[in-house]
Amino acid sequence: MSAARIVVTGRVQGVGFRHFVASIAIQFGVAGSVWNRSDGAVECVAQAPEAETLDDFVKQIWSGPGRIDSVKVEPEQEDPSLMSFVIGATR
């Protein structure tokens, strides 16, 4: 299993970006959550059964709505209790 914390900057709030991320997470079988940050970025914790699946998921994020300036990916500790993908509120 592989897990990551992903921070996307640019014009990514108010354009359906969280819903886009959730839909591709479901397509790829990725568990986790996505939320808006108070600084205008969108943050996501994602976990997949294989590192390749997580890599493909991150690549798809670049095709999201709005204007993406950067996608920063950092390793995250795996959480075996994550079973689905949810959209969270602003943090």
PDB file of N, CA and C in Angstrom:
ATOM      1  N   MET A   1       0.841  -1.177   0.000  1.00  0.00           N
ATOM      2  CA  MET A   1       0.000   0.000   0.000  1.00  0.00           C
ATOM      3  C   MET A   1       0.885   1.239   0.000  1.00  0.00           C
ATOM      4  N   SER A   2       0.370   2.330  -0.548  1.00  0.00           N
ATOM      5  CA  SER A   2       1.130   3.563  -0.668  1.00  0.00           C
ATOM      6  C   SER A   2       0.226   4.741  -0.301  1.00  0.00           C
ATOM      7  N   ALA A   3       0.779   5.721   0.405  1.00  0.00           N
ATOM      8  CA  ALA A   3      -0.013   6.870   0.840  1.00  0.00           C
ATOM      9  C   ALA A   3       0.766   8.165   0.641  1.00  0.00           C
ATOM     10  N   ALA A   4       0.021   9.263   0.409  1.00  0.00           N
ATOM     11  CA  ALA A   4       0.660  10.557   0.179  1.00  0.00           C
ATOM     12  C   ALA A   4      -0.241  11.688   0.643  1.00  0.00           C
ATOM     13  N   ARG A   5       0.391  12.806   0.985  1.00  0.00           N
ATOM     14  CA  ARG A   5      -0.295  14.077   1.233  1.00  0.00           C
ATOM     15  C   ARG A   5      -0.002  14.941   0.014  1.00  0.00           C
ATOM     16  N   ILE A   6      -1.043  15.473  -0.592  1.00  0.00           N
ATOM     17  CA  ILE A   6      -0.920  16.214  -1.845  1.00  0.00           C
ATOM     18  C   ILE A   6      -1.490  17.618  -1.633  1.00  0.00           C
ATOM     19  N   VAL A   7      -0.714  18.635  -1.983  1.00  0.00           N
ATOM     20  CA  VAL A   7      -1.170  20.018  -1.877  1.00  0.00           C
ATOM     21  C   VAL A   7      -1.132  20.627  -3.273  1.00  0.00           C
ATOM     22  N   VAL A   8      -2.292  21.137  -3.707  1.00  0.00           N
ATOM     23  CA  VAL A   8      -2.423  21.715  -5.043  1.00  0.00           C
ATOM     24  C   VAL A   8      -2.649  23.212  -4.897  1.00  0.00           C
ATOM     25  N   THR A   9      -1.805  24.008  -5.559  1.00  0.00           N
ATOM     26  CA  THR A   9      -1.951  25.457  -5.504  1.00  0.00           C
ATOM     27  C   THR A   9      -2.347  25.984  -6.875  1.00  0.00           C
ATOM     28  N   GLY A  10      -2.881  27.196  -6.866  1.00  0.00           N
ATOM     29  CA  GLY A  10      -3.350  27.847  -8.084  1.00  0.00           C
ATOM     30  C   GLY A  10      -4.766  28.344  -7.844  1.00  0.00           C
ATOM     31  N   ARG A  11      -5.533  28.430  -8.900  1.00  0.00           N
ATOM     32  CA  ARG A  11      -6.957  28.796  -8.769  1.00  0.00           C
ATOM     33  C   ARG A  11      -7.745  27.495  -8.748  1.00  0.00           C
ATOM     34  N   VAL A  12      -7.807  26.885  -7.564  1.00  0.00           N
ATOM     35  CA  VAL A  12      -8.396  25.554  -7.448  1.00  0.00           C
ATOM     36  C   VAL A  12      -9.588  25.506  -6.491  1.00  0.00           C
ATOM     37  N   GLN A  13      -9.999  26.637  -5.965  1.00  0.00           N
ATOM     38  CA  GLN A  13     -11.190  26.678  -5.124  1.00  0.00           C
ATOM     39  C   GLN A  13     -12.307  27.384  -5.874  1.00  0.00           C
ATOM     40  N   GLY A  14     -13.520  26.881  -5.690  1.00  0.00           N
ATOM     41  CA  GLY A  14     -14.678  27.473  -6.365  1.00  0.00           C
ATOM     42  C   GLY A  14     -14.826  27.034  -7.809  1.00  0.00           C
ATOM     43  N   VAL A  15     -14.106  25.988  -8.208  1.00  0.00           N
ATOM     44  CA  VAL A  15     -14.161  25.520  -9.601  1.00  0.00           C
ATOM     45  C   VAL A  15     -14.513  24.027  -9.696  1.00  0.00           C
ATOM     46  N   GLY A  16     -14.913  23.423  -8.584  1.00  0.00           N
ATOM     47  CA  GLY A  16     -15.259  21.999  -8.580  1.00  0.00           C
ATOM     48  C   GLY A  16     -14.063  21.074  -8.453  1.00  0.00           C
ATOM     49  N   PHE A  17     -12.951  21.600  -7.970  1.00  0.00           N
ATOM     50  CA  PHE A  17     -11.728  20.803  -7.920  1.00  0.00           C
ATOM     51  C   PHE A  17     -11.826  19.636  -6.934  1.00  0.00           C
ATOM     52  N   ARG A  18     -12.403  19.862  -5.755  1.00  0.00           N
ATOM     53  CA  ARG A  18     -12.526  18.765  -4.785  1.00  0.00           C
ATOM     54  C   ARG A  18     -13.387  17.632  -5.345  1.00  0.00           C
ATOM     55  N   HIS A  19     -14.457  17.978  -6.026  1.00  0.00           N
ATOM     56  CA  HIS A  19     -15.321  16.948  -6.619  1.00  0.00           C
ATOM     57  C   HIS A  19     -14.594  16.201  -7.730  1.00  0.00           C
ATOM     58  N   PHE A  20     -13.794  16.925  -8.494  1.00  0.00           N
ATOM     59  CA  PHE A  20     -12.974  16.284  -9.523  1.00  0.00           C
ATOM     60  C   PHE A  20     -12.017  15.275  -8.895  1.00  0.00           C
ATOM     61  N   VAL A  21     -11.308  15.679  -7.839  1.00  0.00           N
ATOM     62  CA  VAL A  21     -10.359  14.786  -7.162  1.00  0.00           C
ATOM     63  C   VAL A  21     -11.084  13.557  -6.620  1.00  0.00           C
ATOM     64  N   ALA A  22     -12.247  13.757  -6.014  1.00  0.00           N
ATOM     65  CA  ALA A  22     -13.010  12.630  -5.472  1.00  0.00           C
ATOM     66  C   ALA A  22     -13.425  11.668  -6.579  1.00  0.00           C
ATOM     67  N   SER A  23     -13.824  12.196  -7.727  1.00  0.00           N
ATOM     68  CA  SER A  23     -14.257  11.310  -8.819  1.00  0.00           C
ATOM     69  C   SER A  23     -13.096  10.493  -9.378  1.00  0.00           C
ATOM     70  N   ILE A  24     -11.914  11.079  -9.504  1.00  0.00           N
ATOM     71  CA  ILE A  24     -10.799  10.277 -10.006  1.00  0.00           C
ATOM     72  C   ILE A  24     -10.302   9.311  -8.931  1.00  0.00           C
ATOM     73  N   ALA A  25     -10.442   9.683  -7.662  1.00  0.00           N
ATOM     74  CA  ALA A  25     -10.073   8.760  -6.583  1.00  0.00           C
ATOM     75  C   ALA A  25     -10.931   7.500  -6.662  1.00  0.00           C
ATOM     76  N   ILE A  26     -12.212   7.680  -6.888  1.00  0.00           N
ATOM     77  CA  ILE A  26     -13.114   6.531  -7.007  1.00  0.00           C
ATOM     78  C   ILE A  26     -12.730   5.680  -8.219  1.00  0.00           C
ATOM     79  N   GLN A  27     -12.412   6.311  -9.342  1.00  0.00           N
ATOM     80  CA  GLN A  27     -11.998   5.579 -10.549  1.00  0.00           C
ATOM     81  C   GLN A  27     -10.758   4.732 -10.299  1.00  0.00           C
ATOM     82  N   PHE A  28      -9.811   5.266  -9.531  1.00  0.00           N
ATOM     83  CA  PHE A  28      -8.542   4.579  -9.295  1.00  0.00           C
ATOM     84  C   PHE A  28      -8.563   3.683  -8.053  1.00  0.00           C
ATOM     85  N   GLY A  29      -9.668   3.686  -7.307  1.00  0.00           N
ATOM     86  CA  GLY A  29      -9.734   2.893  -6.094  1.00  0.00           C
ATOM     87  C   GLY A  29      -8.872   3.448  -4.978  1.00  0.00           C
ATOM     88  N   VAL A  30      -8.755   4.767  -4.932  1.00  0.00           N
ATOM     89  CA  VAL A  30      -7.940   5.458  -3.930  1.00  0.00           C
ATOM     90  C   VAL A  30      -8.834   5.855  -2.756  1.00  0.00           C
ATOM     91  N   ALA A  31      -8.362   5.651  -1.549  1.00  0.00           N
ATOM     92  CA  ALA A  31      -9.080   6.059  -0.336  1.00  0.00           C
ATOM     93  C   ALA A  31      -8.435   7.325   0.221  1.00  0.00           C
ATOM     94  N   GLY A  32      -9.209   8.090   1.008  1.00  0.00           N
ATOM     95  CA  GLY A  32      -8.658   9.280   1.629  1.00  0.00           C
ATOM     96  C   GLY A  32      -9.668  10.399   1.707  1.00  0.00           C
ATOM     97  N   SER A  33      -9.172  11.635   1.633  1.00  0.00           N
ATOM     98  CA  SER A  33     -10.047  12.802   1.700  1.00  0.00           C
ATOM     99  C   SER A  33      -9.398  13.994   1.018  1.00  0.00           C
ATOM    100  N   VAL A  34     -10.231  14.956   0.659  1.00  0.00           N
ATOM    101  CA  VAL A  34      -9.763  16.184   0.017  1.00  0.00           C
ATOM    102  C   VAL A  34     -10.522  17.352   0.639  1.00  0.00           C
ATOM    103  N   TRP A  35      -9.840  18.496   0.840  1.00  0.00           N
ATOM    104  CA  TRP A  35     -10.483  19.652   1.434  1.00  0.00           C
ATOM    105  C   TRP A  35      -9.803  20.929   0.943  1.00  0.00           C
ATOM    106  N   ASN A  36     -10.551  22.036   1.039  1.00  0.00           N
ATOM    107  CA  ASN A  36      -9.994  23.353   0.760  1.00  0.00           C
ATOM    108  C   ASN A  36      -9.198  23.804   1.973  1.00  0.00           C
ATOM    109  N   ARG A  37      -8.106  24.519   1.713  1.00  0.00           N
ATOM    110  CA  ARG A  37      -7.333  25.121   2.794  1.00  0.00           C
ATOM    111  C   ARG A  37      -7.653  26.604   2.852  1.00  0.00           C
ATOM    112  N   SER A  38      -7.485  27.186   3.998  1.00  0.00           N
ATOM    113  CA  SER A  38      -7.803  28.615   4.160  1.00  0.00           C
ATOM    114  C   SER A  38      -6.854  29.514   3.360  1.00  0.00           C
ATOM    115  N   ASP A  39      -5.707  28.977   2.923  1.00  0.00           N
ATOM    116  CA  ASP A  39      -4.760  29.766   2.134  1.00  0.00           C
ATOM    117  C   ASP A  39      -5.049  29.716   0.630  1.00  0.00           C
ATOM    118  N   GLY A  40      -6.145  29.068   0.214  1.00  0.00           N
ATOM    119  CA  GLY A  40      -6.525  29.009  -1.193  1.00  0.00           C
ATOM    120  C   GLY A  40      -6.102  27.739  -1.901  1.00  0.00           C
ATOM    121  N   ALA A  41      -5.304  26.916  -1.260  1.00  0.00           N
ATOM    122  CA  ALA A  41      -4.879  25.641  -1.852  1.00  0.00           C
ATOM    123  C   ALA A  41      -5.925  24.566  -1.575  1.00  0.00           C
ATOM    124  N   VAL A  42      -5.754  23.429  -2.210  1.00  0.00           N
ATOM    125  CA  VAL A  42      -6.553  22.235  -1.931  1.00  0.00           C
ATOM    126  C   VAL A  42      -5.586  21.162  -1.464  1.00  0.00           C
ATOM    127  N   GLU A  43      -5.953  20.478  -0.379  1.00  0.00           N
ATOM    128  CA  GLU A  43      -5.091  19.436   0.178  1.00  0.00           C
ATOM    129  C   GLU A  43      -5.825  18.101   0.148  1.00  0.00           C
ATOM    130  N   CYS A  44      -5.052  17.055  -0.025  1.00  0.00           N
ATOM    131  CA  CYS A  44      -5.614  15.722  -0.162  1.00  0.00           C
ATOM    132  C   CYS A  44      -4.703  14.716   0.535  1.00  0.00           C
ATOM    133  N   VAL A  45      -5.293  13.773   1.232  1.00  0.00           N
ATOM    134  CA  VAL A  45      -4.571  12.608   1.721  1.00  0.00           C
ATOM    135  C   VAL A  45      -5.119  11.437   0.931  1.00  0.00           C
ATOM    136  N   ALA A  46      -4.238  10.710   0.273  1.00  0.00           N
ATOM    137  CA  ALA A  46      -4.664   9.622  -0.601  1.00  0.00           C
ATOM    138  C   ALA A  46      -3.864   8.363  -0.325  1.00  0.00           C
ATOM    139  N   GLN A  47      -4.546   7.240  -0.424  1.00  0.00           N
ATOM    140  CA  GLN A  47      -3.910   5.948  -0.172  1.00  0.00           C
ATOM    141  C   GLN A  47      -4.409   4.948  -1.205  1.00  0.00           C
ATOM    142  N   ALA A  48      -3.473   4.217  -1.788  1.00  0.00           N
ATOM    143  CA  ALA A  48      -3.806   3.231  -2.821  1.00  0.00           C
ATOM    144  C   ALA A  48      -3.100   1.916  -2.512  1.00  0.00           C
ATOM    145  N   PRO A  49      -3.641   0.809  -3.044  1.00  0.00           N
ATOM    146  CA  PRO A  49      -3.019  -0.493  -2.793  1.00  0.00           C
ATOM    147  C   PRO A  49      -1.613  -0.612  -3.384  1.00  0.00           C
ATOM    148  N   GLU A  50      -1.347   0.131  -4.460  1.00  0.00           N
ATOM    149  CA  GLU A  50      -0.043   0.058  -5.127  1.00  0.00           C
ATOM    150  C   GLU A  50       0.478   1.466  -5.411  1.00  0.00           C
ATOM    151  N   ALA A  51       1.798   1.621  -5.361  1.00  0.00           N
ATOM    152  CA  ALA A  51       2.421   2.921  -5.616  1.00  0.00           C
ATOM    153  C   ALA A  51       2.111   3.418  -7.028  1.00  0.00           C
ATOM    154  N   GLU A  52       2.058   2.523  -8.000  1.00  0.00           N
ATOM    155  CA  GLU A  52       1.765   2.917  -9.385  1.00  0.00           C
ATOM    156  C   GLU A  52       0.379   3.539  -9.499  1.00  0.00           C
ATOM    157  N   THR A  53      -0.583   2.984  -8.775  1.00  0.00           N
ATOM    158  CA  THR A  53      -1.943   3.526  -8.792  1.00  0.00           C
ATOM    159  C   THR A  53      -1.953   4.935  -8.221  1.00  0.00           C
ATOM    160  N   LEU A  54      -1.243   5.140  -7.130  1.00  0.00           N
ATOM    161  CA  LEU A  54      -1.167   6.469  -6.525  1.00  0.00           C
ATOM    162  C   LEU A  54      -0.479   7.455  -7.469  1.00  0.00           C
ATOM    163  N   ASP A  55       0.583   7.015  -8.146  1.00  0.00           N
ATOM    164  CA  ASP A  55       1.269   7.867  -9.122  1.00  0.00           C
ATOM    165  C   ASP A  55       0.327   8.277 -10.250  1.00  0.00           C
ATOM    166  N   ASP A  56      -0.457   7.330 -10.758  1.00  0.00           N
ATOM    167  CA  ASP A  56      -1.413   7.633 -11.828  1.00  0.00           C
ATOM    168  C   ASP A  56      -2.486   8.607 -11.350  1.00  0.00           C
ATOM    169  N   PHE A  57      -2.939   8.437 -10.112  1.00  0.00           N
ATOM    170  CA  PHE A  57      -3.917   9.340  -9.512  1.00  0.00           C
ATOM    171  C   PHE A  57      -3.359  10.770  -9.469  1.00  0.00           C
ATOM    172  N   VAL A  58      -2.128  10.914  -9.003  1.00  0.00           N
ATOM    173  CA  VAL A  58      -1.502  12.242  -8.912  1.00  0.00           C
ATOM    174  C   VAL A  58      -1.360  12.863 -10.301  1.00  0.00           C
ATOM    175  N   LYS A  59      -0.987  12.085 -11.290  1.00  0.00           N
ATOM    176  CA  LYS A  59      -0.869  12.616 -12.659  1.00  0.00           C
ATOM    177  C   LYS A  59      -2.199  13.169 -13.143  1.00  0.00           C
ATOM    178  N   GLN A  60      -3.301  12.505 -12.809  1.00  0.00           N
ATOM    179  CA  GLN A  60      -4.625  12.960 -13.249  1.00  0.00           C
ATOM    180  C   GLN A  60      -5.028  14.275 -12.579  1.00  0.00           C
ATOM    181  N   ILE A  61      -4.517  14.519 -11.382  1.00  0.00           N
ATOM    182  CA  ILE A  61      -4.846  15.766 -10.682  1.00  0.00           C
ATOM    183  C   ILE A  61      -4.471  16.978 -11.532  1.00  0.00           C
ATOM    184  N   TRP A  62      -3.376  16.870 -12.288  1.00  0.00           N
ATOM    185  CA  TRP A  62      -2.926  17.982 -13.140  1.00  0.00           C
ATOM    186  C   TRP A  62      -3.965  18.364 -14.198  1.00  0.00           C
ATOM    187  N   SER A  63      -4.897  17.486 -14.513  1.00  0.00           N
ATOM    188  CA  SER A  63      -5.890  17.795 -15.551  1.00  0.00           C
ATOM    189  C   SER A  63      -7.179  18.355 -14.960  1.00  0.00           C
ATOM    190  N   GLY A  64      -7.161  18.707 -13.683  1.00  0.00           N
ATOM    191  CA  GLY A  64      -8.357  19.205 -13.007  1.00  0.00           C
ATOM    192  C   GLY A  64      -8.780  20.584 -13.462  1.00  0.00           C
ATOM    193  N   PRO A  65      -9.969  20.994 -13.013  1.00  0.00           N
ATOM    194  CA  PRO A  65     -10.493  22.314 -13.393  1.00  0.00           C
ATOM    195  C   PRO A  65      -9.736  23.440 -12.685  1.00  0.00           C
ATOM    196  N   GLY A  66      -9.887  24.630 -13.202  1.00  0.00           N
ATOM    197  CA  GLY A  66      -9.206  25.789 -12.631  1.00  0.00           C
ATOM    198  C   GLY A  66      -7.840  25.973 -13.251  1.00  0.00           C
ATOM    199  N   ARG A  67      -6.937  26.570 -12.483  1.00  0.00           N
ATOM    200  CA  ARG A  67      -5.563  26.761 -12.937  1.00  0.00           C
ATOM    201  C   ARG A  67      -4.642  26.165 -11.881  1.00  0.00           C
ATOM    202  N   ILE A  68      -3.908  25.165 -12.254  1.00  0.00           N
ATOM    203  CA  ILE A  68      -3.025  24.487 -11.316  1.00  0.00           C
ATOM    204  C   ILE A  68      -1.616  25.031 -11.498  1.00  0.00           C
ATOM    205  N   ASP A  69      -1.072  25.595 -10.423  1.00  0.00           N
ATOM    206  CA  ASP A  69       0.293  26.109 -10.457  1.00  0.00           C
ATOM    207  C   ASP A  69       1.299  25.066  -9.993  1.00  0.00           C
ATOM    208  N   SER A  70       0.929  24.290  -8.967  1.00  0.00           N
ATOM    209  CA  SER A  70       1.840  23.249  -8.479  1.00  0.00           C
ATOM    210  C   SER A  70       1.060  22.125  -7.800  1.00  0.00           C
ATOM    211  N   VAL A  71       1.666  20.955  -7.832  1.00  0.00           N
ATOM    212  CA  VAL A  71       1.149  19.793  -7.117  1.00  0.00           C
ATOM    213  C   VAL A  71       2.318  19.234  -6.313  1.00  0.00           C
ATOM    214  N   LYS A  72       2.263  19.434  -5.005  1.00  0.00           N
ATOM    215  CA  LYS A  72       3.335  18.977  -4.122  1.00  0.00           C
ATOM    216  C   LYS A  72       2.891  17.667  -3.469  1.00  0.00           C
ATOM    217  N   VAL A  73       3.729  16.642  -3.583  1.00  0.00           N
ATOM    218  CA  VAL A  73       3.401  15.325  -3.049  1.00  0.00           C
ATOM    219  C   VAL A  73       4.445  14.930  -2.012  1.00  0.00           C
ATOM    220  N   GLU A  74       3.978  14.577  -0.825  1.00  0.00           N
ATOM    221  CA  GLU A  74       4.862  14.108   0.243  1.00  0.00           C
ATOM    222  C   GLU A  74       4.355  12.763   0.741  1.00  0.00           C
ATOM    223  N   PRO A  75       5.270  11.857   1.081  1.00  0.00           N
ATOM    224  CA  PRO A  75       4.842  10.565   1.627  1.00  0.00           C
ATOM    225  C   PRO A  75       4.037  10.758   2.911  1.00  0.00           C
ATOM    226  N   GLU A  76       3.094   9.884   3.107  1.00  0.00           N
ATOM    227  CA  GLU A  76       2.231   9.933   4.292  1.00  0.00           C
ATOM    228  C   GLU A  76       2.190   8.526   4.892  1.00  0.00           C
ATOM    229  N   GLN A  77       2.031   8.457   6.184  1.00  0.00           N
ATOM    230  CA  GLN A  77       1.918   7.149   6.824  1.00  0.00           C
ATOM    231  C   GLN A  77       0.597   6.506   6.424  1.00  0.00           C
ATOM    232  N   GLU A  78       0.657   5.231   6.097  1.00  0.00           N
ATOM    233  CA  GLU A  78      -0.543   4.509   5.691  1.00  0.00           C
ATOM    234  C   GLU A  78      -1.494   4.348   6.863  1.00  0.00           C
ATOM    235  N   ASP A  79      -2.778   4.384   6.549  1.00  0.00           N
ATOM    236  CA  ASP A  79      -3.821   4.217   7.556  1.00  0.00           C
ATOM    237  C   ASP A  79      -4.743   3.085   7.104  1.00  0.00           C
ATOM    238  N   PRO A  80      -4.600   1.897   7.685  1.00  0.00           N
ATOM    239  CA  PRO A  80      -5.408   0.755   7.249  1.00  0.00           C
ATOM    240  C   PRO A  80      -6.905   0.944   7.436  1.00  0.00           C
ATOM    241  N   SER A  81      -7.323   1.942   8.222  1.00  0.00           N
ATOM    242  CA  SER A  81      -8.753   2.150   8.436  1.00  0.00           C
ATOM    243  C   SER A  81      -9.413   2.933   7.291  1.00  0.00           C
ATOM    244  N   LEU A  82      -8.620   3.542   6.401  1.00  0.00           N
ATOM    245  CA  LEU A  82      -9.207   4.283   5.266  1.00  0.00           C
ATOM    246  C   LEU A  82      -9.813   3.301   4.268  1.00  0.00           C
ATOM    247  N   MET A  83     -11.119   3.457   4.043  1.00  0.00           N
ATOM    248  CA  MET A  83     -11.804   2.529   3.142  1.00  0.00           C
ATOM    249  C   MET A  83     -12.543   3.261   2.006  1.00  0.00           C
ATOM    250  N   SER A  84     -12.692   4.573   2.110  1.00  0.00           N
ATOM    251  CA  SER A  84     -13.439   5.313   1.096  1.00  0.00           C
ATOM    252  C   SER A  84     -12.750   6.662   0.868  1.00  0.00           C
ATOM    253  N   PHE A  85     -13.345   7.474   0.009  1.00  0.00           N
ATOM    254  CA  PHE A  85     -12.811   8.804  -0.270  1.00  0.00           C
ATOM    255  C   PHE A  85     -13.904   9.820   0.003  1.00  0.00           C
ATOM    256  N   VAL A  86     -13.590  10.840   0.791  1.00  0.00           N
ATOM    257  CA  VAL A  86     -14.598  11.831   1.177  1.00  0.00           C
ATOM    258  C   VAL A  86     -14.112  13.252   0.855  1.00  0.00           C
ATOM    259  N   ILE A  87     -15.079  14.135   0.669  1.00  0.00           N
ATOM    260  CA  ILE A  87     -14.821  15.548   0.460  1.00  0.00           C
ATOM    261  C   ILE A  87     -15.058  16.248   1.782  1.00  0.00           C
ATOM    262  N   GLY A  88     -14.043  16.944   2.269  1.00  0.00           N
ATOM    263  CA  GLY A  88     -14.144  17.631   3.552  1.00  0.00           C
ATOM    264  C   GLY A  88     -14.342  19.127   3.394  1.00  0.00           C
ATOM    265  N   ALA A  89     -14.636  19.764   4.502  1.00  0.00           N
ATOM    266  CA  ALA A  89     -14.832  21.221   4.542  1.00  0.00           C
ATOM    267  C   ALA A  89     -13.474  21.914   4.628  1.00  0.00           C
ATOM    268  N   THR A  90     -13.499  23.233   4.504  1.00  0.00           N
ATOM    269  CA  THR A  90     -12.273  24.024   4.593  1.00  0.00           C
ATOM    270  C   THR A  90     -11.648  23.877   5.969  1.00  0.00           C
ATOM    271  N   ARG A  91     -10.332  23.741   5.953  1.00  0.00           N
ATOM    272  CA  ARG A  91      -9.579  23.631   7.224  1.00  0.00           C
ATOM    273  C   ARG A  91      -8.605  24.791   7.327  1.00  0.00           C
TER     274      ARG A  91
END
